[in-house]
Amino acid sequence: QGKRYRYYIAQHLTKGVGPGWRLPAGQVEAAVQTALRTMFAERGWMEVLGQGVDADALTQAFAASDELAKGVQAESMRTLLLDLDARITLTSNALRLEAQAAKLADTLGLACPDEDQRITTELPIDWVQRGVETKLVITANTAKASAAPDAALIKTIVRAQDWWQQLTSGKATSLNEVAQREQVSAPYVRRLLPLATLAPDIIEAILEGQQPIDLTAEKLSRVHLSTDWSHQRQLLGFKPA
């Protein structure tokens, strides 16, 4: 229906041989973006490239590294990875980013003591079943940096609040009228309406992309939600306020 979905898959799957991974491209690329930021922000290159460097050169390298950490964007990431001759390895519990030391040194304005050496940044990850797909989750402290709001989840809450407002303001006098106007079924309107009473801190977390990893729009629309905010937090997997 006019949408394109990108995935990374194990090479042998292209030949239809055996089991293997098929991972949404956006999740993998967001994790790689976090790994790049971590490599520069935490200055993991120091142990290899910082030996015997004078203070002025090191200060300039720190500044360059910090700027690169801030400037890692999805649009420019491919170019940066190619410039660093980077290699990315994904295992069941980690994402490993390796950069060629000489090319990283050149990027930071430093000399490289060993042309063949590589500098590695590793992020612990986990795999969580989320509906019908498997989601990659960074389990290190950097996980928050890679969080992205779930547009479908946000849209579901917005619709519930809009429909509630229509009914309470008198703009609509029944569920059927709302359903007809929105071109959905009345049972669907009835199912979503309780979401208009979600606790403010739950809504804020969802807007920031900090909801539990298994909370999808489909799951949210089908839970039996009470108006008790503490019960909502417990039911949906949010921390107590």
C-alpha atoms as a PDB file:
ATOM      1  CA  GLN A   1       0.000   0.000   0.000  1.00  0.00           C
ATOM      2  CA  GLY A   2       2.733   2.421  -0.962  1.00  0.00           C
ATOM      3  CA  LYS A   3       4.956   1.722   2.059  1.00  0.00           C
ATOM      4  CA  ARG A   4       8.414   0.198   1.896  1.00  0.00           C
ATOM      5  CA  TYR A   5       9.848  -1.816   4.780  1.00  0.00           C
ATOM      6  CA  ARG A   6      13.600  -2.415   4.985  1.00  0.00           C
ATOM      7  CA  TYR A   7      15.256  -5.398   6.690  1.00  0.00           C
ATOM      8  CA  TYR A   8      18.702  -6.835   7.210  1.00  0.00           C
ATOM      9  CA  ILE A   9      18.761 -10.587   6.730  1.00  0.00           C
ATOM     10  CA  ALA A  10      21.308 -13.395   7.084  1.00  0.00           C
ATOM     11  CA  GLN A  11      22.994 -14.001   3.716  1.00  0.00           C
ATOM     12  CA  HIS A  12      22.006 -17.653   3.520  1.00  0.00           C
ATOM     13  CA  LEU A  13      18.330 -16.659   3.729  1.00  0.00           C
ATOM     14  CA  THR A  14      18.633 -15.113   0.261  1.00  0.00           C
ATOM     15  CA  LYS A  15      19.155 -18.687  -0.966  1.00  0.00           C
ATOM     16  CA  GLY A  16      16.358 -20.086   1.186  1.00  0.00           C
ATOM     17  CA  VAL A  17      18.715 -22.227   3.250  1.00  0.00           C
ATOM     18  CA  GLY A  18      18.035 -22.882   6.944  1.00  0.00           C
ATOM     19  CA  PRO A  19      16.909 -20.541   9.737  1.00  0.00           C
ATOM     20  CA  GLY A  20      18.323 -17.062  10.236  1.00  0.00           C
ATOM     21  CA  TRP A  21      17.717 -13.487  11.335  1.00  0.00           C
ATOM     22  CA  ARG A  22      15.470 -11.013   9.568  1.00  0.00           C
ATOM     23  CA  LEU A  23      15.717  -7.714  11.418  1.00  0.00           C
ATOM     24  CA  PRO A  24      13.984  -4.354  10.820  1.00  0.00           C
ATOM     25  CA  ALA A  25      16.626  -2.045   9.345  1.00  0.00           C
ATOM     26  CA  GLY A  26      15.630   0.958  11.450  1.00  0.00           C
ATOM     27  CA  GLN A  27      16.324  -0.867  14.715  1.00  0.00           C
ATOM     28  CA  VAL A  28      19.741  -2.093  13.600  1.00  0.00           C
ATOM     29  CA  GLU A  29      20.747   1.325  12.271  1.00  0.00           C
ATOM     30  CA  ALA A  30      19.584   3.084  15.449  1.00  0.00           C
ATOM     31  CA  ALA A  31      21.750   0.704  17.498  1.00  0.00           C
ATOM     32  CA  VAL A  32      24.754   1.334  15.236  1.00  0.00           C
ATOM     33  CA  GLN A  33      24.160   5.078  15.585  1.00  0.00           C
ATOM     34  CA  THR A  34      24.233   4.669  19.384  1.00  0.00           C
ATOM     35  CA  ALA A  35      27.449   2.625  19.151  1.00  0.00           C
ATOM     36  CA  LEU A  36      29.105   5.368  17.085  1.00  0.00           C
ATOM     37  CA  ARG A  37      28.057   8.043  19.552  1.00  0.00           C
ATOM     38  CA  THR A  38      29.363   5.895  22.400  1.00  0.00           C
ATOM     39  CA  MET A  39      32.713   5.374  20.680  1.00  0.00           C
ATOM     40  CA  PHE A  40      33.225   9.129  20.371  1.00  0.00           C
ATOM     41  CA  ALA A  41      31.474  10.392  23.521  1.00  0.00           C
ATOM     42  CA  GLU A  42      33.203   7.926  25.858  1.00  0.00           C
ATOM     43  CA  ARG A  43      36.509   8.324  23.980  1.00  0.00           C
ATOM     44  CA  GLY A  44      37.076   4.600  23.718  1.00  0.00           C
ATOM     45  CA  TRP A  45      39.937   5.313  21.323  1.00  0.00           C
ATOM     46  CA  MET A  46      42.096   6.798  24.088  1.00  0.00           C
ATOM     47  CA  GLU A  47      43.839   3.568  25.095  1.00  0.00           C
ATOM     48  CA  VAL A  48      45.134   3.008  21.560  1.00  0.00           C
ATOM     49  CA  LEU A  49      45.510   6.493  20.107  1.00  0.00           C
ATOM     50  CA  GLY A  50      46.180   8.615  23.206  1.00  0.00           C
ATOM     51  CA  GLN A  51      49.547   7.168  24.142  1.00  0.00           C
ATOM     52  CA  GLY A  52      52.427   9.656  23.963  1.00  0.00           C
ATOM     53  CA  VAL A  53      50.273  12.446  22.531  1.00  0.00           C
ATOM     54  CA  ASP A  54      51.019  15.952  23.768  1.00  0.00           C
ATOM     55  CA  ALA A  55      48.364  17.826  25.738  1.00  0.00           C
ATOM     56  CA  ASP A  56      47.444  20.283  22.980  1.00  0.00           C
ATOM     57  CA  ALA A  57      46.901  17.561  20.372  1.00  0.00           C
ATOM     58  CA  LEU A  58      44.903  15.493  22.847  1.00  0.00           C
ATOM     59  CA  THR A  59      42.690  18.462  23.740  1.00  0.00           C
ATOM     60  CA  GLN A  60      41.952  19.029  20.067  1.00  0.00           C
ATOM     61  CA  ALA A  61      41.209  15.320  19.598  1.00  0.00           C
ATOM     62  CA  PHE A  62      38.808  15.413  22.559  1.00  0.00           C
ATOM     63  CA  ALA A  63      36.986  18.366  21.012  1.00  0.00           C
ATOM     64  CA  ALA A  64      36.790  16.612  17.632  1.00  0.00           C
ATOM     65  CA  SER A  65      35.523  13.423  19.274  1.00  0.00           C
ATOM     66  CA  ASP A  66      32.846  15.300  21.199  1.00  0.00           C
ATOM     67  CA  GLU A  67      31.701  17.065  18.025  1.00  0.00           C
ATOM     68  CA  LEU A  68      31.484  13.769  16.174  1.00  0.00           C
ATOM     69  CA  ALA A  69      29.425  12.277  19.024  1.00  0.00           C
ATOM     70  CA  LYS A  70      26.935  15.142  18.755  1.00  0.00           C
ATOM     71  CA  GLY A  71      26.870  15.075  14.977  1.00  0.00           C
ATOM     72  CA  VAL A  72      26.153  11.386  14.342  1.00  0.00           C
ATOM     73  CA  GLN A  73      22.954  11.471  12.307  1.00  0.00           C
ATOM     74  CA  ALA A  74      21.168   8.749  10.370  1.00  0.00           C
ATOM     75  CA  GLU A  75      21.697  10.648   7.097  1.00  0.00           C
ATOM     76  CA  SER A  76      25.492  10.915   7.473  1.00  0.00           C
ATOM     77  CA  MET A  77      26.152   7.655   9.297  1.00  0.00           C
ATOM     78  CA  ARG A  78      26.911   5.549   6.215  1.00  0.00           C
ATOM     79  CA  THR A  79      29.613   7.973   5.066  1.00  0.00           C
ATOM     80  CA  LEU A  80      31.214   8.022   8.506  1.00  0.00           C
ATOM     81  CA  LEU A  81      31.190   4.216   8.737  1.00  0.00           C
ATOM     82  CA  LEU A  82      32.878   3.975   5.339  1.00  0.00           C
ATOM     83  CA  ASP A  83      35.441   6.615   6.318  1.00  0.00           C
ATOM     84  CA  LEU A  84      36.326   4.553   9.418  1.00  0.00           C
ATOM     85  CA  ASP A  85      36.395   1.257   7.485  1.00  0.00           C
ATOM     86  CA  ALA A  86      33.939   0.087  10.133  1.00  0.00           C
ATOM     87  CA  ARG A  87      32.782  -3.470  10.693  1.00  0.00           C
ATOM     88  CA  ILE A  88      29.557  -4.236  12.542  1.00  0.00           C
ATOM     89  CA  THR A  89      28.909  -7.614  14.142  1.00  0.00           C
ATOM     90  CA  LEU A  90      25.560  -8.526  15.654  1.00  0.00           C
ATOM     91  CA  THR A  91      25.305 -11.476  18.033  1.00  0.00           C
ATOM     92  CA  SER A  92      22.551 -12.759  20.300  1.00  0.00           C
ATOM     93  CA  ASN A  93      23.703 -10.516  23.166  1.00  0.00           C
ATOM     94  CA  ALA A  94      25.859  -7.710  21.746  1.00  0.00           C
ATOM     95  CA  LEU A  95      26.404  -5.275  18.904  1.00  0.00           C
ATOM     96  CA  ARG A  96      30.102  -4.788  18.185  1.00  0.00           C
ATOM     97  CA  LEU A  97      31.403  -1.818  16.193  1.00  0.00           C
ATOM     98  CA  GLU A  98      35.015  -1.957  15.018  1.00  0.00           C
ATOM     99  CA  ALA A  99      36.813   0.952  13.379  1.00  0.00           C
ATOM    100  CA  GLN A 100      40.249   0.905  11.749  1.00  0.00           C
ATOM    101  CA  ALA A 101      42.581   2.695  14.155  1.00  0.00           C
ATOM    102  CA  ALA A 102      44.504   4.526  11.416  1.00  0.00           C
ATOM    103  CA  LYS A 103      41.356   5.986   9.855  1.00  0.00           C
ATOM    104  CA  LEU A 104      39.900   6.956  13.228  1.00  0.00           C
ATOM    105  CA  ALA A 105      43.194   8.623  14.148  1.00  0.00           C
ATOM    106  CA  ASP A 106      43.112  10.582  10.897  1.00  0.00           C
ATOM    107  CA  THR A 107      39.543  11.693  11.655  1.00  0.00           C
ATOM    108  CA  LEU A 108      40.650  12.962  15.070  1.00  0.00           C
ATOM    109  CA  GLY A 109      43.886  14.558  13.843  1.00  0.00           C
ATOM    110  CA  LEU A 110      46.156  12.055  15.611  1.00  0.00           C
ATOM    111  CA  ALA A 111      48.948   9.743  14.558  1.00  0.00           C
ATOM    112  CA  CYS A 112      48.278   6.002  14.598  1.00  0.00           C
ATOM    113  CA  PRO A 113      50.900   3.745  16.191  1.00  0.00           C
ATOM    114  CA  ASP A 114      49.623   0.581  14.474  1.00  0.00           C
ATOM    115  CA  GLU A 115      48.065   0.622  11.016  1.00  0.00           C
ATOM    116  CA  ASP A 116      46.451  -2.823  11.433  1.00  0.00           C
ATOM    117  CA  GLN A 117      44.868  -2.245  14.819  1.00  0.00           C
ATOM    118  CA  ARG A 118      41.107  -1.846  15.242  1.00  0.00           C
ATOM    119  CA  ILE A 119      39.197  -0.004  17.958  1.00  0.00           C
ATOM    120  CA  THR A 120      36.093  -1.710  19.290  1.00  0.00           C
ATOM    121  CA  THR A 121      32.938  -0.480  20.998  1.00  0.00           C
ATOM    122  CA  GLU A 122      30.472  -3.097  22.229  1.00  0.00           C
ATOM    123  CA  LEU A 123      26.878  -2.537  23.331  1.00  0.00           C
ATOM    124  CA  PRO A 124      25.010  -5.217  25.309  1.00  0.00           C
ATOM    125  CA  ILE A 125      21.685  -5.926  23.629  1.00  0.00           C
ATOM    126  CA  ASP A 126      18.653  -8.090  24.167  1.00  0.00           C
ATOM    127  CA  TRP A 127      15.901  -9.400  21.914  1.00  0.00           C
ATOM    128  CA  VAL A 128      12.288  -8.880  22.939  1.00  0.00           C
ATOM    129  CA  GLN A 129       9.219 -10.276  21.233  1.00  0.00           C
ATOM    130  CA  ARG A 130       6.953  -7.349  20.375  1.00  0.00           C
ATOM    131  CA  GLY A 131       3.761  -8.496  18.752  1.00  0.00           C
ATOM    132  CA  VAL A 132       4.696 -10.498  15.663  1.00  0.00           C
ATOM    133  CA  GLU A 133       8.217  -9.072  15.384  1.00  0.00           C
ATOM    134  CA  THR A 134      11.437  -9.309  17.353  1.00  0.00           C
ATOM    135  CA  LYS A 135      12.790  -5.992  18.653  1.00  0.00           C
ATOM    136  CA  LEU A 136      16.430  -5.187  19.347  1.00  0.00           C
ATOM    137  CA  VAL A 137      16.920  -3.499  22.730  1.00  0.00           C
ATOM    138  CA  ILE A 138      20.137  -1.885  23.954  1.00  0.00           C
ATOM    139  CA  THR A 139      20.549  -2.917  27.577  1.00  0.00           C
ATOM    140  CA  ALA A 140      23.448  -0.599  28.434  1.00  0.00           C
ATOM    141  CA  ASN A 141      22.981   2.883  29.949  1.00  0.00           C
ATOM    142  CA  THR A 142      22.958   4.252  26.404  1.00  0.00           C
ATOM    143  CA  ALA A 143      19.596   2.634  25.687  1.00  0.00           C
ATOM    144  CA  LYS A 144      17.693   5.850  26.326  1.00  0.00           C
ATOM    145  CA  ALA A 145      19.660   7.679  23.651  1.00  0.00           C
ATOM    146  CA  SER A 146      18.343   5.321  20.995  1.00  0.00           C
ATOM    147  CA  ALA A 147      14.714   5.405  22.090  1.00  0.00           C
ATOM    148  CA  ALA A 148      12.257   6.538  19.448  1.00  0.00           C
ATOM    149  CA  PRO A 149       8.585   7.442  19.922  1.00  0.00           C
ATOM    150  CA  ASP A 150       6.118   4.898  18.554  1.00  0.00           C
ATOM    151  CA  ALA A 151       3.933   6.828  16.101  1.00  0.00           C
ATOM    152  CA  ALA A 152       1.160   4.209  16.090  1.00  0.00           C
ATOM    153  CA  LEU A 153       1.015   4.181  19.885  1.00  0.00           C
ATOM    154  CA  ILE A 154       0.831   7.973  20.061  1.00  0.00           C
ATOM    155  CA  LYS A 155      -1.834   8.097  17.345  1.00  0.00           C
ATOM    156  CA  THR A 156      -3.986   5.645  19.327  1.00  0.00           C
ATOM    157  CA  ILE A 157      -3.875   7.843  22.435  1.00  0.00           C
ATOM    158  CA  VAL A 158      -4.582  11.019  20.444  1.00  0.00           C
ATOM    159  CA  ARG A 159      -7.617   9.411  18.827  1.00  0.00           C
ATOM    160  CA  ALA A 160      -8.989   8.299  22.194  1.00  0.00           C
ATOM    161  CA  GLN A 161      -8.611  11.792  23.641  1.00  0.00           C
ATOM    162  CA  ASP A 162     -10.195  13.384  20.562  1.00  0.00           C
ATOM    163  CA  TRP A 163     -13.188  11.037  20.652  1.00  0.00           C
ATOM    164  CA  TRP A 164     -13.623  11.592  24.389  1.00  0.00           C
ATOM    165  CA  GLN A 165     -13.599  15.347  23.782  1.00  0.00           C
ATOM    166  CA  GLN A 166     -16.211  15.023  21.043  1.00  0.00           C
ATOM    167  CA  LEU A 167     -18.546  13.139  23.397  1.00  0.00           C
ATOM    168  CA  THR A 168     -18.039  15.313  26.485  1.00  0.00           C
ATOM    169  CA  SER A 169     -18.339  18.593  24.568  1.00  0.00           C
ATOM    170  CA  GLY A 170     -21.523  17.558  22.795  1.00  0.00           C
ATOM    171  CA  LYS A 171     -19.899  17.655  19.370  1.00  0.00           C
ATOM    172  CA  ALA A 172     -20.957  13.995  19.113  1.00  0.00           C
ATOM    173  CA  THR A 173     -23.917  12.513  20.968  1.00  0.00           C
ATOM    174  CA  SER A 174     -23.131   8.800  20.654  1.00  0.00           C
ATOM    175  CA  LEU A 175     -20.412   6.268  19.918  1.00  0.00           C
ATOM    176  CA  ASN A 176     -22.103   5.526  16.608  1.00  0.00           C
ATOM    177  CA  GLU A 177     -21.878   9.180  15.588  1.00  0.00           C
ATOM    178  CA  VAL A 178     -18.150   9.273  16.416  1.00  0.00           C
ATOM    179  CA  ALA A 179     -17.617   5.999  14.548  1.00  0.00           C
ATOM    180  CA  GLN A 180     -19.445   7.234  11.478  1.00  0.00           C
ATOM    181  CA  ARG A 181     -17.530  10.511  11.448  1.00  0.00           C
ATOM    182  CA  GLU A 182     -14.148   8.764  11.887  1.00  0.00           C
ATOM    183  CA  GLN A 183     -15.039   5.902   9.534  1.00  0.00           C
ATOM    184  CA  VAL A 184     -14.349   3.197  12.110  1.00  0.00           C
ATOM    185  CA  SER A 185     -16.609   0.753  13.955  1.00  0.00           C
ATOM    186  CA  ALA A 186     -18.476   1.668  17.149  1.00  0.00           C
ATOM    187  CA  PRO A 187     -16.875  -1.271  19.065  1.00  0.00           C
ATOM    188  CA  TYR A 188     -13.457   0.120  18.137  1.00  0.00           C
ATOM    189  CA  VAL A 189     -14.397   3.562  19.491  1.00  0.00           C
ATOM    190  CA  ARG A 190     -15.686   1.922  22.690  1.00  0.00           C
ATOM    191  CA  ARG A 191     -12.417  -0.031  23.050  1.00  0.00           C
ATOM    192  CA  LEU A 192     -10.221   3.056  22.696  1.00  0.00           C
ATOM    193  CA  LEU A 193     -12.155   5.522  24.854  1.00  0.00           C
ATOM    194  CA  PRO A 194     -10.674   4.364  28.217  1.00  0.00           C
ATOM    195  CA  LEU A 195      -7.244   5.439  26.924  1.00  0.00           C
ATOM    196  CA  ALA A 196      -8.397   9.051  27.335  1.00  0.00           C
ATOM    197  CA  THR A 197      -7.936   8.528  31.093  1.00  0.00           C
ATOM    198  CA  LEU A 198      -4.282   7.458  30.907  1.00  0.00           C
ATOM    199  CA  ALA A 199      -2.065   8.888  33.656  1.00  0.00           C
ATOM    200  CA  PRO A 200      -0.100  11.989  32.529  1.00  0.00           C
ATOM    201  CA  ASP A 201       3.246  10.364  33.338  1.00  0.00           C
ATOM    202  CA  ILE A 202       2.350   7.347  31.162  1.00  0.00           C
ATOM    203  CA  ILE A 203       1.496   9.649  28.245  1.00  0.00           C
ATOM    204  CA  GLU A 204       4.705  11.620  28.751  1.00  0.00           C
ATOM    205  CA  ALA A 205       6.793   8.431  28.725  1.00  0.00           C
ATOM    206  CA  ILE A 206       5.117   7.245  25.519  1.00  0.00           C
ATOM    207  CA  LEU A 207       5.698  10.624  23.834  1.00  0.00           C
ATOM    208  CA  GLU A 208       9.412  10.306  24.720  1.00  0.00           C
ATOM    209  CA  GLY A 209       9.610   6.713  23.474  1.00  0.00           C
ATOM    210  CA  GLN A 210      10.241   5.389  26.996  1.00  0.00           C
ATOM    211  CA  GLN A 211       7.336   2.943  27.244  1.00  0.00           C
ATOM    212  CA  PRO A 212       7.899  -0.783  27.984  1.00  0.00           C
ATOM    213  CA  ILE A 213       9.301  -2.442  24.893  1.00  0.00           C
ATOM    214  CA  ASP A 214       6.351  -4.817  24.494  1.00  0.00           C
ATOM    215  CA  LEU A 215       3.699  -2.084  24.653  1.00  0.00           C
ATOM    216  CA  THR A 216       2.232  -1.732  21.178  1.00  0.00           C
ATOM    217  CA  ALA A 217      -0.792   0.171  19.899  1.00  0.00           C
ATOM    218  CA  GLU A 218      -2.601  -3.140  19.438  1.00  0.00           C
ATOM    219  CA  LYS A 219      -1.863  -4.257  23.004  1.00  0.00           C
ATOM    220  CA  LEU A 220      -2.857  -0.879  24.464  1.00  0.00           C
ATOM    221  CA  SER A 221      -6.148  -0.874  22.588  1.00  0.00           C
ATOM    222  CA  ARG A 222      -7.122  -4.286  23.979  1.00  0.00           C
ATOM    223  CA  VAL A 223      -6.252  -4.025  27.696  1.00  0.00           C
ATOM    224  CA  HIS A 224      -9.074  -3.623  30.216  1.00  0.00           C
ATOM    225  CA  LEU A 225      -8.021  -0.275  31.624  1.00  0.00           C
ATOM    226  CA  SER A 226      -9.366   1.192  34.848  1.00  0.00           C
ATOM    227  CA  THR A 227      -9.271   4.898  35.742  1.00  0.00           C
ATOM    228  CA  ASP A 228      -6.924   4.157  38.662  1.00  0.00           C
ATOM    229  CA  TRP A 229      -3.533   5.498  37.582  1.00  0.00           C
ATOM    230  CA  SER A 230      -1.530   3.203  39.870  1.00  0.00           C
ATOM    231  CA  HIS A 231      -3.377   0.212  38.411  1.00  0.00           C
ATOM    232  CA  GLN A 232      -2.662   1.494  34.903  1.00  0.00           C
ATOM    233  CA  ARG A 233       1.067   1.706  35.649  1.00  0.00           C
ATOM    234  CA  GLN A 234       1.109  -1.803  37.057  1.00  0.00           C
ATOM    235  CA  LEU A 235      -0.943  -3.263  34.201  1.00  0.00           C
ATOM    236  CA  LEU A 236       1.098  -1.618  31.429  1.00  0.00           C
ATOM    237  CA  GLY A 237       4.536  -2.127  32.996  1.00  0.00           C
ATOM    238  CA  PHE A 238       5.411   1.452  33.990  1.00  0.00           C
ATOM    239  CA  LYS A 239       7.266   2.370  37.156  1.00  0.00           C
ATOM    240  CA  PRO A 240       5.172   3.688  40.073  1.00  0.00           C
ATOM    241  CA  ALA A 241       4.996   7.497  40.153  1.00  0.00           C
END
